[in-house]
Amino acid sequence: MKKYSKKSQEMVESAMHRKKKGILKSSTGQKVKSRKQAIAIGLSEARQKGEKVPEKTN
């Protein structure tokens, strides 16, 4: 199982809350509708901040 830091989990949780409120935007400026996309954005934000998040697999 991959390990995520507590802070990165909080960032994903924050992204999910922003999605529910309708204020989370993708890189193109569109509203995020997908749960998976919201999680990906939260993990990406965590990576940018230097949190412990497994590397992207693409």
PDB file of N, CA and C in Angstrom:
ATOM      1  N   MET A   1       0.843  -1.186   0.000  1.00  0.00           N
ATOM      2  CA  MET A   1       0.000   0.000   0.000  1.00  0.00           C
ATOM      3  C   MET A   1       0.883   1.242   0.000  1.00  0.00           C
ATOM      4  N   LYS A   2       0.513   2.214  -0.802  1.00  0.00           N
ATOM      5  CA  LYS A   2       1.298   3.444  -0.885  1.00  0.00           C
ATOM      6  C   LYS A   2       1.027   4.317   0.325  1.00  0.00           C
ATOM      7  N   LYS A   3       2.055   5.023   0.775  1.00  0.00           N
ATOM      8  CA  LYS A   3       1.952   5.855   1.970  1.00  0.00           C
ATOM      9  C   LYS A   3       1.815   7.330   1.582  1.00  0.00           C
ATOM     10  N   TYR A   4       0.885   7.976   2.237  1.00  0.00           N
ATOM     11  CA  TYR A   4       0.671   9.404   2.037  1.00  0.00           C
ATOM     12  C   TYR A   4       0.850  10.098   3.380  1.00  0.00           C
ATOM     13  N   SER A   5       1.435  11.282   3.373  1.00  0.00           N
ATOM     14  CA  SER A   5       1.598  12.023   4.621  1.00  0.00           C
ATOM     15  C   SER A   5       0.253  12.576   5.088  1.00  0.00           C
ATOM     16  N   LYS A   6       0.165  12.904   6.346  1.00  0.00           N
ATOM     17  CA  LYS A   6      -1.068  13.450   6.922  1.00  0.00           C
ATOM     18  C   LYS A   6      -1.447  14.752   6.208  1.00  0.00           C
ATOM     19  N   LYS A   7      -0.463  15.593   5.930  1.00  0.00           N
ATOM     20  CA  LYS A   7      -0.720  16.876   5.276  1.00  0.00           C
ATOM     21  C   LYS A   7      -1.282  16.667   3.860  1.00  0.00           C
ATOM     22  N   SER A   8      -0.762  15.671   3.144  1.00  0.00           N
ATOM     23  CA  SER A   8      -1.272  15.430   1.792  1.00  0.00           C
ATOM     24  C   SER A   8      -2.711  14.914   1.851  1.00  0.00           C
ATOM     25  N   GLN A   9      -3.037  14.129   2.869  1.00  0.00           N
ATOM     26  CA  GLN A   9      -4.418  13.668   3.037  1.00  0.00           C
ATOM     27  C   GLN A   9      -5.345  14.850   3.290  1.00  0.00           C
ATOM     28  N   GLU A  10      -4.869  15.818   4.074  1.00  0.00           N
ATOM     29  CA  GLU A  10      -5.662  17.014   4.350  1.00  0.00           C
ATOM     30  C   GLU A  10      -5.879  17.831   3.082  1.00  0.00           C
ATOM     31  N   MET A  11      -4.857  17.879   2.215  1.00  0.00           N
ATOM     32  CA  MET A  11      -4.980  18.650   0.974  1.00  0.00           C
ATOM     33  C   MET A  11      -5.997  18.008   0.035  1.00  0.00           C
ATOM     34  N   VAL A  12      -6.033  16.677  -0.009  1.00  0.00           N
ATOM     35  CA  VAL A  12      -7.023  15.978  -0.835  1.00  0.00           C
ATOM     36  C   VAL A  12      -8.415  16.217  -0.264  1.00  0.00           C
ATOM     37  N   GLU A  13      -8.529  16.158   1.061  1.00  0.00           N
ATOM     38  CA  GLU A  13      -9.808  16.420   1.716  1.00  0.00           C
ATOM     39  C   GLU A  13     -10.293  17.835   1.401  1.00  0.00           C
ATOM     40  N   SER A  14      -9.374  18.795   1.422  1.00  0.00           N
ATOM     41  CA  SER A  14      -9.711  20.180   1.104  1.00  0.00           C
ATOM     42  C   SER A  14     -10.207  20.306  -0.336  1.00  0.00           C
ATOM     43  N   ALA A  15      -9.540  19.608  -1.257  1.00  0.00           N
ATOM     44  CA  ALA A  15      -9.950  19.642  -2.660  1.00  0.00           C
ATOM     45  C   ALA A  15     -11.349  19.056  -2.826  1.00  0.00           C
ATOM     46  N   MET A  16     -11.652  17.994  -2.072  1.00  0.00           N
ATOM     47  CA  MET A  16     -12.977  17.378  -2.154  1.00  0.00           C
ATOM     48  C   MET A  16     -14.057  18.342  -1.645  1.00  0.00           C
ATOM     49  N   HIS A  17     -13.751  19.067  -0.571  1.00  0.00           N
ATOM     50  CA  HIS A  17     -14.708  20.041  -0.040  1.00  0.00           C
ATOM     51  C   HIS A  17     -14.941  21.168  -1.048  1.00  0.00           C
ATOM     52  N   ARG A  18     -13.854  21.625  -1.687  1.00  0.00           N
ATOM     53  CA  ARG A  18     -13.992  22.687  -2.686  1.00  0.00           C
ATOM     54  C   ARG A  18     -14.817  22.198  -3.879  1.00  0.00           C
ATOM     55  N   LYS A  19     -14.661  20.911  -4.247  1.00  0.00           N
ATOM     56  CA  LYS A  19     -15.464  20.342  -5.336  1.00  0.00           C
ATOM     57  C   LYS A  19     -16.939  20.356  -4.951  1.00  0.00           C
ATOM     58  N   LYS A  20     -17.238  19.937  -3.729  1.00  0.00           N
ATOM     59  CA  LYS A  20     -18.630  19.894  -3.289  1.00  0.00           C
ATOM     60  C   LYS A  20     -19.259  21.283  -3.283  1.00  0.00           C
ATOM     61  N   LYS A  21     -18.467  22.302  -2.909  1.00  0.00           N
ATOM     62  CA  LYS A  21     -18.981  23.670  -2.887  1.00  0.00           C
ATOM     63  C   LYS A  21     -19.074  24.262  -4.292  1.00  0.00           C
ATOM     64  N   GLY A  22     -18.380  23.625  -5.261  1.00  0.00           N
ATOM     65  CA  GLY A  22     -18.435  24.100  -6.637  1.00  0.00           C
ATOM     66  C   GLY A  22     -17.412  25.164  -6.957  1.00  0.00           C
ATOM     67  N   ILE A  23     -16.374  25.282  -6.124  1.00  0.00           N
ATOM     68  CA  ILE A  23     -15.370  26.317  -6.387  1.00  0.00           C
ATOM     69  C   ILE A  23     -14.038  25.748  -6.865  1.00  0.00           C
ATOM     70  N   LEU A  24     -13.936  24.420  -6.977  1.00  0.00           N
ATOM     71  CA  LEU A  24     -12.702  23.804  -7.470  1.00  0.00           C
ATOM     72  C   LEU A  24     -12.689  23.875  -8.987  1.00  0.00           C
ATOM     73  N   LYS A  25     -11.618  24.405  -9.547  1.00  0.00           N
ATOM     74  CA  LYS A  25     -11.487  24.564 -10.994  1.00  0.00           C
ATOM     75  C   LYS A  25     -10.315  23.738 -11.506  1.00  0.00           C
ATOM     76  N   SER A  26     -10.443  23.245 -12.715  1.00  0.00           N
ATOM     77  CA  SER A  26      -9.345  22.531 -13.360  1.00  0.00           C
ATOM     78  C   SER A  26      -8.374  23.556 -13.947  1.00  0.00           C
ATOM     79  N   SER A  27      -7.318  23.073 -14.563  1.00  0.00           N
ATOM     80  CA  SER A  27      -6.319  23.990 -15.130  1.00  0.00           C
ATOM     81  C   SER A  27      -6.883  24.833 -16.262  1.00  0.00           C
ATOM     82  N   THR A  28      -7.958  24.367 -16.892  1.00  0.00           N
ATOM     83  CA  THR A  28      -8.567  25.130 -17.986  1.00  0.00           C
ATOM     84  C   THR A  28      -9.601  26.126 -17.495  1.00  0.00           C
ATOM     85  N   GLY A  29      -9.882  26.113 -16.188  1.00  0.00           N
ATOM     86  CA  GLY A  29     -10.844  27.048 -15.626  1.00  0.00           C
ATOM     87  C   GLY A  29     -12.250  26.497 -15.518  1.00  0.00           C
ATOM     88  N   GLN A  30     -12.445  25.256 -15.969  1.00  0.00           N
ATOM     89  CA  GLN A  30     -13.763  24.625 -15.894  1.00  0.00           C
ATOM     90  C   GLN A  30     -14.004  24.083 -14.486  1.00  0.00           C
ATOM     91  N   LYS A  31     -15.283  24.000 -14.092  1.00  0.00           N
ATOM     92  CA  LYS A  31     -15.623  23.401 -12.806  1.00  0.00           C
ATOM     93  C   LYS A  31     -15.288  21.921 -12.829  1.00  0.00           C
ATOM     94  N   VAL A  32     -14.774  21.419 -11.709  1.00  0.00           N
ATOM     95  CA  VAL A  32     -14.472  20.002 -11.598  1.00  0.00           C
ATOM     96  C   VAL A  32     -15.746  19.269 -11.202  1.00  0.00           C
ATOM     97  N   LYS A  33     -16.109  18.231 -11.968  1.00  0.00           N
ATOM     98  CA  LYS A  33     -17.318  17.468 -11.684  1.00  0.00           C
ATOM     99  C   LYS A  33     -16.987  16.055 -11.206  1.00  0.00           C
ATOM    100  N   SER A  34     -15.801  15.579 -11.540  1.00  0.00           N
ATOM    101  CA  SER A  34     -15.413  14.209 -11.245  1.00  0.00           C
ATOM    102  C   SER A  34     -14.700  14.107  -9.892  1.00  0.00           C
ATOM    103  N   ARG A  35     -15.075  13.083  -9.120  1.00  0.00           N
ATOM    104  CA  ARG A  35     -14.436  12.816  -7.830  1.00  0.00           C
ATOM    105  C   ARG A  35     -12.958  12.478  -8.034  1.00  0.00           C
ATOM    106  N   LYS A  36     -12.666  11.687  -9.058  1.00  0.00           N
ATOM    107  CA  LYS A  36     -11.287  11.283  -9.334  1.00  0.00           C
ATOM    108  C   LYS A  36     -10.427  12.491  -9.703  1.00  0.00           C
ATOM    109  N   GLN A  37     -11.008  13.416 -10.439  1.00  0.00           N
ATOM    110  CA  GLN A  37     -10.270  14.610 -10.840  1.00  0.00           C
ATOM    111  C   GLN A  37      -9.962  15.473  -9.620  1.00  0.00           C
ATOM    112  N   ALA A  38     -10.903  15.548  -8.675  1.00  0.00           N
ATOM    113  CA  ALA A  38     -10.686  16.320  -7.450  1.00  0.00           C
ATOM    114  C   ALA A  38      -9.552  15.715  -6.626  1.00  0.00           C
ATOM    115  N   ILE A  39      -9.506  14.395  -6.550  1.00  0.00           N
ATOM    116  CA  ILE A  39      -8.425  13.717  -5.819  1.00  0.00           C
ATOM    117  C   ILE A  39      -7.092  13.984  -6.500  1.00  0.00           C
ATOM    118  N   ALA A  40      -7.065  13.908  -7.820  1.00  0.00           N
ATOM    119  CA  ALA A  40      -5.832  14.154  -8.570  1.00  0.00           C
ATOM    120  C   ALA A  40      -5.327  15.578  -8.351  1.00  0.00           C
ATOM    121  N   ILE A  41      -6.230  16.539  -8.303  1.00  0.00           N
ATOM    122  CA  ILE A  41      -5.839  17.931  -8.070  1.00  0.00           C
ATOM    123  C   ILE A  41      -5.264  18.082  -6.663  1.00  0.00           C
ATOM    124  N   GLY A  42      -5.897  17.446  -5.670  1.00  0.00           N
ATOM    125  CA  GLY A  42      -5.394  17.503  -4.299  1.00  0.00           C
ATOM    126  C   GLY A  42      -4.007  16.905  -4.169  1.00  0.00           C
ATOM    127  N   LEU A  43      -3.770  15.770  -4.829  1.00  0.00           N
ATOM    128  CA  LEU A  43      -2.446  15.140  -4.792  1.00  0.00           C
ATOM    129  C   LEU A  43      -1.406  15.995  -5.510  1.00  0.00           C
ATOM    130  N   SER A  44      -1.815  16.600  -6.608  1.00  0.00           N
ATOM    131  CA  SER A  44      -0.909  17.465  -7.353  1.00  0.00           C
ATOM    132  C   SER A  44      -0.488  18.671  -6.514  1.00  0.00           C
ATOM    133  N   GLU A  45      -1.451  19.260  -5.807  1.00  0.00           N
ATOM    134  CA  GLU A  45      -1.144  20.396  -4.933  1.00  0.00           C
ATOM    135  C   GLU A  45      -0.189  19.968  -3.820  1.00  0.00           C
ATOM    136  N   ALA A  46      -0.385  18.761  -3.287  1.00  0.00           N
ATOM    137  CA  ALA A  46       0.487  18.243  -2.235  1.00  0.00           C
ATOM    138  C   ALA A  46       1.907  18.044  -2.764  1.00  0.00           C
ATOM    139  N   ARG A  47       2.025  17.516  -3.999  1.00  0.00           N
ATOM    140  CA  ARG A  47       3.354  17.338  -4.599  1.00  0.00           C
ATOM    141  C   ARG A  47       4.068  18.671  -4.763  1.00  0.00           C
ATOM    142  N   GLN A  48       3.327  19.695  -5.190  1.00  0.00           N
ATOM    143  CA  GLN A  48       3.926  21.009  -5.388  1.00  0.00           C
ATOM    144  C   GLN A  48       4.434  21.599  -4.081  1.00  0.00           C
ATOM    145  N   LYS A  49       3.759  21.271  -2.965  1.00  0.00           N
ATOM    146  CA  LYS A  49       4.178  21.776  -1.657  1.00  0.00           C
ATOM    147  C   LYS A  49       5.307  20.942  -1.052  1.00  0.00           C
ATOM    148  N   GLY A  50       5.643  19.796  -1.701  1.00  0.00           N
ATOM    149  CA  GLY A  50       6.733  18.969  -1.227  1.00  0.00           C
ATOM    150  C   GLY A  50       6.335  17.934  -0.193  1.00  0.00           C
ATOM    151  N   GLU A  51       5.058  17.588  -0.139  1.00  0.00           N
ATOM    152  CA  GLU A  51       4.596  16.595   0.814  1.00  0.00           C
ATOM    153  C   GLU A  51       4.944  15.187   0.332  1.00  0.00           C
ATOM    154  N   LYS A  52       4.844  14.213   1.245  1.00  0.00           N
ATOM    155  CA  LYS A  52       5.167  12.834   0.909  1.00  0.00           C
ATOM    156  C   LYS A  52       3.988  12.209   0.168  1.00  0.00           C
ATOM    157  N   VAL A  53       4.133  12.129  -1.163  1.00  0.00           N
ATOM    158  CA  VAL A  53       3.096  11.584  -2.030  1.00  0.00           C
ATOM    159  C   VAL A  53       3.821  10.709  -3.061  1.00  0.00           C
ATOM    160  N   PRO A  54       3.334   9.482  -3.322  1.00  0.00           N
ATOM    161  CA  PRO A  54       3.965   8.660  -4.356  1.00  0.00           C
ATOM    162  C   PRO A  54       4.000   9.398  -5.703  1.00  0.00           C
ATOM    163  N   GLU A  55       4.995   9.052  -6.515  1.00  0.00           N
ATOM    164  CA  GLU A  55       5.148   9.709  -7.798  1.00  0.00           C
ATOM    165  C   GLU A  55       3.985   9.406  -8.721  1.00  0.00           C
ATOM    166  N   LYS A  56       3.766  10.302  -9.659  1.00  0.00           N
ATOM    167  CA  LYS A  56       2.727  10.144 -10.664  1.00  0.00           C
ATOM    168  C   LYS A  56       3.072   8.938 -11.545  1.00  0.00           C
ATOM    169  N   THR A  57       2.079   8.141 -11.936  1.00  0.00           N
ATOM    170  CA  THR A  57       2.345   6.895 -12.681  1.00  0.00           C
ATOM    171  C   THR A  57       2.027   6.970 -14.154  1.00  0.00           C
ATOM    172  N   ASN A  58       2.040   8.137 -14.752  1.00  0.00           N
ATOM    173  CA  ASN A  58       1.760   8.238 -16.196  1.00  0.00           C
ATOM    174  C   ASN A  58       3.010   8.335 -16.969  1.00  0.00           C
TER     175      ASN A  58
END
